[in-house]
Amino acid sequence: MKFFFVIILALTGFTTLSQTLTQTVRGTIKDQETLEPIIGAKFELFNSDPYQATVSDYNGKFRLENVPVGKQTFVISYLGY
């Protein structure tokens, strides 16, 4: 029984070490000249697997969850810009 408990404890330790740290990226997308919010702008994590993106809301705000911690590149696009 002790041996079984030690095996379970060891396997649990390996699974906790393999967790990926993530963060939430949020902000507001505005026009540079008028400072008006841009509604429906696409905000995406570049070269992500799986693909991760979101769209800005009525106030130009966006929120992208489960982004890996570290230096990331984002692409913001909107028709006409």
PDB file of N, CA and C in Angstrom:
ATOM      1  N   MET A   1       0.822  -1.190   0.000  1.00  0.00           N
ATOM      2  CA  MET A   1       0.000   0.000   0.000  1.00  0.00           C
ATOM      3  C   MET A   1       0.869   1.258   0.000  1.00  0.00           C
ATOM      4  N   LYS A   2       1.971   1.245   0.772  1.00  0.00           N
ATOM      5  CA  LYS A   2       2.857   2.401   0.802  1.00  0.00           C
ATOM      6  C   LYS A   2       3.451   2.668  -0.581  1.00  0.00           C
ATOM      7  N   PHE A   3       3.828   1.598  -1.267  1.00  0.00           N
ATOM      8  CA  PHE A   3       4.426   1.731  -2.584  1.00  0.00           C
ATOM      9  C   PHE A   3       3.440   2.396  -3.554  1.00  0.00           C
ATOM     10  N   PHE A   4       2.191   1.977  -3.522  1.00  0.00           N
ATOM     11  CA  PHE A   4       1.150   2.542  -4.374  1.00  0.00           C
ATOM     12  C   PHE A   4       0.968   4.036  -4.083  1.00  0.00           C
ATOM     13  N   PHE A   5       0.972   4.402  -2.819  1.00  0.00           N
ATOM     14  CA  PHE A   5       0.815   5.797  -2.416  1.00  0.00           C
ATOM     15  C   PHE A   5       1.988   6.648  -2.911  1.00  0.00           C
ATOM     16  N   VAL A   6       3.208   6.109  -2.847  1.00  0.00           N
ATOM     17  CA  VAL A   6       4.400   6.827  -3.303  1.00  0.00           C
ATOM     18  C   VAL A   6       4.333   7.035  -4.817  1.00  0.00           C
ATOM     19  N   ILE A   7       3.887   6.037  -5.554  1.00  0.00           N
ATOM     20  CA  ILE A   7       3.755   6.153  -7.015  1.00  0.00           C
ATOM     21  C   ILE A   7       2.742   7.239  -7.365  1.00  0.00           C
ATOM     22  N   ILE A   8       1.598   7.234  -6.709  1.00  0.00           N
ATOM     23  CA  ILE A   8       0.570   8.255  -6.961  1.00  0.00           C
ATOM     24  C   ILE A   8       1.113   9.639  -6.628  1.00  0.00           C
ATOM     25  N   LEU A   9       1.780   9.786  -5.539  1.00  0.00           N
ATOM     26  CA  LEU A   9       2.352  11.064  -5.134  1.00  0.00           C
ATOM     27  C   LEU A   9       3.383  11.547  -6.152  1.00  0.00           C
ATOM     28  N   ALA A  10       4.215  10.662  -6.650  1.00  0.00           N
ATOM     29  CA  ALA A  10       5.237  11.023  -7.634  1.00  0.00           C
ATOM     30  C   ALA A  10       4.595  11.463  -8.947  1.00  0.00           C
ATOM     31  N   LEU A  11       3.580  10.775  -9.414  1.00  0.00           N
ATOM     32  CA  LEU A  11       2.897  11.139 -10.655  1.00  0.00           C
ATOM     33  C   LEU A  11       2.177  12.473 -10.516  1.00  0.00           C
ATOM     34  N   THR A  12       1.622  12.741  -9.369  1.00  0.00           N
ATOM     35  CA  THR A  12       0.955  14.021  -9.135  1.00  0.00           C
ATOM     36  C   THR A  12       1.961  15.155  -9.189  1.00  0.00           C
ATOM     37  N   GLY A  13       3.141  14.947  -8.684  1.00  0.00           N
ATOM     38  CA  GLY A  13       4.185  15.970  -8.721  1.00  0.00           C
ATOM     39  C   GLY A  13       4.593  16.315 -10.138  1.00  0.00           C
ATOM     40  N   PHE A  14       4.680  15.319 -11.021  1.00  0.00           N
ATOM     41  CA  PHE A  14       5.051  15.576 -12.410  1.00  0.00           C
ATOM     42  C   PHE A  14       3.970  16.360 -13.149  1.00  0.00           C
ATOM     43  N   THR A  15       2.719  16.097 -12.851  1.00  0.00           N
ATOM     44  CA  THR A  15       1.658  16.818 -13.558  1.00  0.00           C
ATOM     45  C   THR A  15       1.598  18.278 -13.121  1.00  0.00           C
ATOM     46  N   THR A  16       1.914  18.574 -11.894  1.00  0.00           N
ATOM     47  CA  THR A  16       1.891  19.967 -11.468  1.00  0.00           C
ATOM     48  C   THR A  16       3.082  20.732 -12.034  1.00  0.00           C
ATOM     49  N   LEU A  17       4.186  20.067 -12.289  1.00  0.00           N
ATOM     50  CA  LEU A  17       5.344  20.731 -12.872  1.00  0.00           C
ATOM     51  C   LEU A  17       5.141  21.041 -14.352  1.00  0.00           C
ATOM     52  N   SER A  18       4.239  20.327 -15.009  1.00  0.00           N
ATOM     53  CA  SER A  18       4.053  20.513 -16.440  1.00  0.00           C
ATOM     54  C   SER A  18       2.993  21.564 -16.776  1.00  0.00           C
ATOM     55  N   GLN A  19       2.465  22.260 -15.792  1.00  0.00           N
ATOM     56  CA  GLN A  19       1.465  23.285 -16.058  1.00  0.00           C
ATOM     57  C   GLN A  19       2.107  24.474 -16.771  1.00  0.00           C
ATOM     58  N   THR A  20       1.380  25.029 -17.716  1.00  0.00           N
ATOM     59  CA  THR A  20       1.850  26.189 -18.451  1.00  0.00           C
ATOM     60  C   THR A  20       1.284  27.449 -17.809  1.00  0.00           C
ATOM     61  N   LEU A  21       2.143  28.410 -17.537  1.00  0.00           N
ATOM     62  CA  LEU A  21       1.695  29.671 -16.964  1.00  0.00           C
ATOM     63  C   LEU A  21       1.066  30.525 -18.052  1.00  0.00           C
ATOM     64  N   THR A  22      -0.088  31.099 -17.745  1.00  0.00           N
ATOM     65  CA  THR A  22      -0.772  31.951 -18.708  1.00  0.00           C
ATOM     66  C   THR A  22      -1.149  33.282 -18.071  1.00  0.00           C
ATOM     67  N   GLN A  23      -1.538  34.211 -18.922  1.00  0.00           N
ATOM     68  CA  GLN A  23      -1.934  35.533 -18.464  1.00  0.00           C
ATOM     69  C   GLN A  23      -3.122  36.010 -19.291  1.00  0.00           C
ATOM     70  N   THR A  24      -3.760  37.068 -18.840  1.00  0.00           N
ATOM     71  CA  THR A  24      -4.846  37.693 -19.571  1.00  0.00           C
ATOM     72  C   THR A  24      -4.364  39.045 -20.080  1.00  0.00           C
ATOM     73  N   VAL A  25      -4.553  39.278 -21.374  1.00  0.00           N
ATOM     74  CA  VAL A  25      -4.173  40.551 -21.993  1.00  0.00           C
ATOM     75  C   VAL A  25      -5.458  41.310 -22.280  1.00  0.00           C
ATOM     76  N   ARG A  26      -5.521  42.554 -21.831  1.00  0.00           N
ATOM     77  CA  ARG A  26      -6.722  43.356 -22.071  1.00  0.00           C
ATOM     78  C   ARG A  26      -6.330  44.805 -22.318  1.00  0.00           C
ATOM     79  N   GLY A  27      -7.217  45.527 -22.986  1.00  0.00           N
ATOM     80  CA  GLY A  27      -6.927  46.917 -23.290  1.00  0.00           C
ATOM     81  C   GLY A  27      -8.048  47.543 -24.087  1.00  0.00           C
ATOM     82  N   THR A  28      -7.759  48.702 -24.663  1.00  0.00           N
ATOM     83  CA  THR A  28      -8.720  49.445 -25.459  1.00  0.00           C
ATOM     84  C   THR A  28      -8.067  49.833 -26.776  1.00  0.00           C
ATOM     85  N   ILE A  29      -8.785  49.651 -27.871  1.00  0.00           N
ATOM     86  CA  ILE A  29      -8.288  50.015 -29.191  1.00  0.00           C
ATOM     87  C   ILE A  29      -8.993  51.304 -29.607  1.00  0.00           C
ATOM     88  N   LYS A  30      -8.179  52.354 -29.881  1.00  0.00           N
ATOM     89  CA  LYS A  30      -8.724  53.661 -30.250  1.00  0.00           C
ATOM     90  C   LYS A  30      -8.052  54.177 -31.510  1.00  0.00           C
ATOM     91  N   ASP A  31      -8.758  55.045 -32.225  1.00  0.00           N
ATOM     92  CA  ASP A  31      -8.185  55.732 -33.376  1.00  0.00           C
ATOM     93  C   ASP A  31      -7.118  56.697 -32.869  1.00  0.00           C
ATOM     94  N   GLN A  32      -5.979  56.737 -33.534  1.00  0.00           N
ATOM     95  CA  GLN A  32      -4.857  57.551 -33.070  1.00  0.00           C
ATOM     96  C   GLN A  32      -5.157  59.051 -33.126  1.00  0.00           C
ATOM     97  N   GLU A  33      -5.915  59.489 -34.120  1.00  0.00           N
ATOM     98  CA  GLU A  33      -6.188  60.921 -34.265  1.00  0.00           C
ATOM     99  C   GLU A  33      -7.396  61.379 -33.459  1.00  0.00           C
ATOM    100  N   THR A  34      -8.502  60.656 -33.569  1.00  0.00           N
ATOM    101  CA  THR A  34      -9.740  61.101 -32.916  1.00  0.00           C
ATOM    102  C   THR A  34      -9.902  60.559 -31.507  1.00  0.00           C
ATOM    103  N   LEU A  35      -9.132  59.535 -31.161  1.00  0.00           N
ATOM    104  CA  LEU A  35      -9.218  58.845 -29.865  1.00  0.00           C
ATOM    105  C   LEU A  35     -10.580  58.198 -29.629  1.00  0.00           C
ATOM    106  N   GLU A  36     -11.346  58.004 -30.708  1.00  0.00           N
ATOM    107  CA  GLU A  36     -12.627  57.295 -30.620  1.00  0.00           C
ATOM    108  C   GLU A  36     -12.354  55.788 -30.567  1.00  0.00           C
ATOM    109  N   PRO A  37     -13.146  55.032 -29.803  1.00  0.00           N
ATOM    110  CA  PRO A  37     -12.944  53.585 -29.762  1.00  0.00           C
ATOM    111  C   PRO A  37     -13.261  52.944 -31.107  1.00  0.00           C
ATOM    112  N   ILE A  38     -12.519  51.912 -31.449  1.00  0.00           N
ATOM    113  CA  ILE A  38     -12.742  51.188 -32.696  1.00  0.00           C
ATOM    114  C   ILE A  38     -13.519  49.912 -32.350  1.00  0.00           C
ATOM    115  N   ILE A  39     -14.734  49.834 -32.859  1.00  0.00           N
ATOM    116  CA  ILE A  39     -15.631  48.711 -32.576  1.00  0.00           C
ATOM    117  C   ILE A  39     -15.368  47.595 -33.583  1.00  0.00           C
ATOM    118  N   GLY A  40     -15.182  46.377 -33.099  1.00  0.00           N
ATOM    119  CA  GLY A  40     -15.027  45.221 -33.973  1.00  0.00           C
ATOM    120  C   GLY A  40     -13.635  45.020 -34.531  1.00  0.00           C
ATOM    121  N   ALA A  41     -12.623  45.630 -33.945  1.00  0.00           N
ATOM    122  CA  ALA A  41     -11.243  45.397 -34.379  1.00  0.00           C
ATOM    123  C   ALA A  41     -10.799  44.017 -33.894  1.00  0.00           C
ATOM    124  N   LYS A  42     -10.094  43.288 -34.747  1.00  0.00           N
ATOM    125  CA  LYS A  42      -9.619  41.948 -34.371  1.00  0.00           C
ATOM    126  C   LYS A  42      -8.271  42.063 -33.679  1.00  0.00           C
ATOM    127  N   PHE A  43      -8.155  41.433 -32.519  1.00  0.00           N
ATOM    128  CA  PHE A  43      -6.923  41.402 -31.731  1.00  0.00           C
ATOM    129  C   PHE A  43      -6.518  39.941 -31.623  1.00  0.00           C
ATOM    130  N   GLU A  44      -5.373  39.575 -32.223  1.00  0.00           N
ATOM    131  CA  GLU A  44      -4.984  38.160 -32.243  1.00  0.00           C
ATOM    132  C   GLU A  44      -3.545  37.952 -31.798  1.00  0.00           C
ATOM    133  N   LEU A  45      -3.320  36.792 -31.207  1.00  0.00           N
ATOM    134  CA  LEU A  45      -1.981  36.365 -30.810  1.00  0.00           C
ATOM    135  C   LEU A  45      -1.306  35.772 -32.034  1.00  0.00           C
ATOM    136  N   PHE A  46      -0.175  36.335 -32.430  1.00  0.00           N
ATOM    137  CA  PHE A  46       0.540  35.918 -33.642  1.00  0.00           C
ATOM    138  C   PHE A  46       1.138  34.532 -33.475  1.00  0.00           C
ATOM    139  N   ASN A  47       0.953  33.694 -34.486  1.00  0.00           N
ATOM    140  CA  ASN A  47       1.503  32.327 -34.526  1.00  0.00           C
ATOM    141  C   ASN A  47       1.121  31.477 -33.325  1.00  0.00           C
ATOM    142  N   SER A  48      -0.112  31.559 -32.881  1.00  0.00           N
ATOM    143  CA  SER A  48      -0.525  30.748 -31.734  1.00  0.00           C
ATOM    144  C   SER A  48      -1.088  29.413 -32.208  1.00  0.00           C
ATOM    145  N   ASP A  49      -0.879  28.400 -31.425  1.00  0.00           N
ATOM    146  CA  ASP A  49      -1.432  27.077 -31.702  1.00  0.00           C
ATOM    147  C   ASP A  49      -1.968  26.514 -30.403  1.00  0.00           C
ATOM    148  N   PRO A  50      -3.265  26.494 -30.194  1.00  0.00           N
ATOM    149  CA  PRO A  50      -4.330  26.812 -31.142  1.00  0.00           C
ATOM    150  C   PRO A  50      -4.496  28.313 -31.336  1.00  0.00           C
ATOM    151  N   TYR A  51      -5.172  28.667 -32.428  1.00  0.00           N
ATOM    152  CA  TYR A  51      -5.414  30.068 -32.786  1.00  0.00           C
ATOM    153  C   TYR A  51      -6.161  30.772 -31.656  1.00  0.00           C
ATOM    154  N   GLN A  52      -5.692  31.982 -31.288  1.00  0.00           N
ATOM    155  CA  GLN A  52      -6.332  32.770 -30.233  1.00  0.00           C
ATOM    156  C   GLN A  52      -6.564  34.180 -30.739  1.00  0.00           C
ATOM    157  N   ALA A  53      -7.808  34.631 -30.657  1.00  0.00           N
ATOM    158  CA  ALA A  53      -8.147  35.989 -31.086  1.00  0.00           C
ATOM    159  C   ALA A  53      -9.426  36.420 -30.389  1.00  0.00           C
ATOM    160  N   THR A  54      -9.667  37.718 -30.412  1.00  0.00           N
ATOM    161  CA  THR A  54     -10.893  38.293 -29.876  1.00  0.00           C
ATOM    162  C   THR A  54     -11.215  39.539 -30.684  1.00  0.00           C
ATOM    163  N   VAL A  55     -12.392  40.104 -30.443  1.00  0.00           N
ATOM    164  CA  VAL A  55     -12.841  41.302 -31.156  1.00  0.00           C
ATOM    165  C   VAL A  55     -13.182  42.363 -30.128  1.00  0.00           C
ATOM    166  N   SER A  56     -12.843  43.622 -30.438  1.00  0.00           N
ATOM    167  CA  SER A  56     -13.141  44.711 -29.505  1.00  0.00           C
ATOM    168  C   SER A  56     -14.644  44.985 -29.454  1.00  0.00           C
ATOM    169  N   ASP A  57     -15.122  45.395 -28.291  1.00  0.00           N
ATOM    170  CA  ASP A  57     -16.548  45.630 -28.085  1.00  0.00           C
ATOM    171  C   ASP A  57     -16.930  47.067 -28.453  1.00  0.00           C
ATOM    172  N   TYR A  58     -18.128  47.480 -28.058  1.00  0.00           N
ATOM    173  CA  TYR A  58     -18.665  48.804 -28.374  1.00  0.00           C
ATOM    174  C   TYR A  58     -17.780  49.938 -27.847  1.00  0.00           C
ATOM    175  N   ASN A  59     -17.077  49.706 -26.762  1.00  0.00           N
ATOM    176  CA  ASN A  59     -16.184  50.715 -26.176  1.00  0.00           C
ATOM    177  C   ASN A  59     -14.733  50.558 -26.629  1.00  0.00           C
ATOM    178  N   GLY A  60     -14.489  49.654 -27.584  1.00  0.00           N
ATOM    179  CA  GLY A  60     -13.140  49.417 -28.074  1.00  0.00           C
ATOM    180  C   GLY A  60     -12.321  48.514 -27.163  1.00  0.00           C
ATOM    181  N   LYS A  61     -12.949  47.952 -26.135  1.00  0.00           N
ATOM    182  CA  LYS A  61     -12.223  47.107 -25.168  1.00  0.00           C
ATOM    183  C   LYS A  61     -12.146  45.665 -25.666  1.00  0.00           C
ATOM    184  N   PHE A  62     -11.036  45.017 -25.349  1.00  0.00           N
ATOM    185  CA  PHE A  62     -10.844  43.611 -25.684  1.00  0.00           C
ATOM    186  C   PHE A  62     -10.235  42.893 -24.493  1.00  0.00           C
ATOM    187  N   ARG A  63     -10.346  41.570 -24.493  1.00  0.00           N
ATOM    188  CA  ARG A  63      -9.784  40.726 -23.437  1.00  0.00           C
ATOM    189  C   ARG A  63      -9.434  39.381 -24.064  1.00  0.00           C
ATOM    190  N   LEU A  64      -8.176  38.981 -23.956  1.00  0.00           N
ATOM    191  CA  LEU A  64      -7.708  37.708 -24.492  1.00  0.00           C
ATOM    192  C   LEU A  64      -7.096  36.917 -23.342  1.00  0.00           C
ATOM    193  N   GLU A  65      -7.706  35.772 -23.033  1.00  0.00           N
ATOM    194  CA  GLU A  65      -7.273  34.949 -21.893  1.00  0.00           C
ATOM    195  C   GLU A  65      -6.385  33.797 -22.359  1.00  0.00           C
ATOM    196  N   ASN A  66      -5.700  33.195 -21.414  1.00  0.00           N
ATOM    197  CA  ASN A  66      -4.840  32.023 -21.626  1.00  0.00           C
ATOM    198  C   ASN A  66      -3.705  32.286 -22.609  1.00  0.00           C
ATOM    199  N   VAL A  67      -3.115  33.463 -22.526  1.00  0.00           N
ATOM    200  CA  VAL A  67      -1.948  33.805 -23.336  1.00  0.00           C
ATOM    201  C   VAL A  67      -0.710  33.342 -22.565  1.00  0.00           C
ATOM    202  N   PRO A  68       0.182  32.569 -23.194  1.00  0.00           N
ATOM    203  CA  PRO A  68       1.383  32.122 -22.485  1.00  0.00           C
ATOM    204  C   PRO A  68       2.190  33.305 -21.951  1.00  0.00           C
ATOM    205  N   VAL A  69       2.736  33.136 -20.749  1.00  0.00           N
ATOM    206  CA  VAL A  69       3.539  34.183 -20.130  1.00  0.00           C
ATOM    207  C   VAL A  69       4.835  34.347 -20.919  1.00  0.00           C
ATOM    208  N   GLY A  70       5.275  35.572 -21.086  1.00  0.00           N
ATOM    209  CA  GLY A  70       6.506  35.856 -21.807  1.00  0.00           C
ATOM    210  C   GLY A  70       6.261  36.853 -22.915  1.00  0.00           C
ATOM    211  N   LYS A  71       7.286  37.093 -23.693  1.00  0.00           N
ATOM    212  CA  LYS A  71       7.189  38.054 -24.788  1.00  0.00           C
ATOM    213  C   LYS A  71       6.322  37.477 -25.895  1.00  0.00           C
ATOM    214  N   GLN A  72       5.296  38.218 -26.301  1.00  0.00           N
ATOM    215  CA  GLN A  72       4.359  37.771 -27.325  1.00  0.00           C
ATOM    216  C   GLN A  72       4.202  38.852 -28.381  1.00  0.00           C
ATOM    217  N   THR A  73       3.774  38.465 -29.565  1.00  0.00           N
ATOM    218  CA  THR A  73       3.480  39.400 -30.646  1.00  0.00           C
ATOM    219  C   THR A  73       1.990  39.329 -30.938  1.00  0.00           C
ATOM    220  N   PHE A  74       1.365  40.499 -31.056  1.00  0.00           N
ATOM    221  CA  PHE A  74      -0.057  40.577 -31.328  1.00  0.00           C
ATOM    222  C   PHE A  74      -0.288  41.322 -32.636  1.00  0.00           C
ATOM    223  N   VAL A  75      -1.374  40.972 -33.315  1.00  0.00           N
ATOM    224  CA  VAL A  75      -1.755  41.628 -34.564  1.00  0.00           C
ATOM    225  C   VAL A  75      -3.136  42.239 -34.347  1.00  0.00           C
ATOM    226  N   ILE A  76      -3.260  43.541 -34.628  1.00  0.00           N
ATOM    227  CA  ILE A  76      -4.543  44.222 -34.529  1.00  0.00           C
ATOM    228  C   ILE A  76      -4.939  44.637 -35.947  1.00  0.00           C
ATOM    229  N   SER A  77      -6.144  44.246 -36.369  1.00  0.00           N
ATOM    230  CA  SER A  77      -6.576  44.597 -37.712  1.00  0.00           C
ATOM    231  C   SER A  77      -8.015  45.059 -37.713  1.00  0.00           C
ATOM    232  N   TYR A  78      -8.297  45.964 -38.654  1.00  0.00           N
ATOM    233  CA  TYR A  78      -9.629  46.509 -38.823  1.00  0.00           C
ATOM    234  C   TYR A  78      -9.720  47.036 -40.251  1.00  0.00           C
ATOM    235  N   LEU A  79     -10.816  46.771 -40.916  1.00  0.00           N
ATOM    236  CA  LEU A  79     -10.988  47.195 -42.292  1.00  0.00           C
ATOM    237  C   LEU A  79     -10.852  48.713 -42.394  1.00  0.00           C
ATOM    238  N   GLY A  80      -9.980  49.181 -43.257  1.00  0.00           N
ATOM    239  CA  GLY A  80      -9.778  50.613 -43.447  1.00  0.00           C
ATOM    240  C   GLY A  80      -8.572  51.179 -42.713  1.00  0.00           C
ATOM    241  N   TYR A  81      -7.886  50.343 -41.910  1.00  0.00           N
ATOM    242  CA  TYR A  81      -6.709  50.822 -41.179  1.00  0.00           C
ATOM    243  C   TYR A  81      -5.488  50.066 -41.640  1.00  0.00           C
TER     244      TYR A  81
END
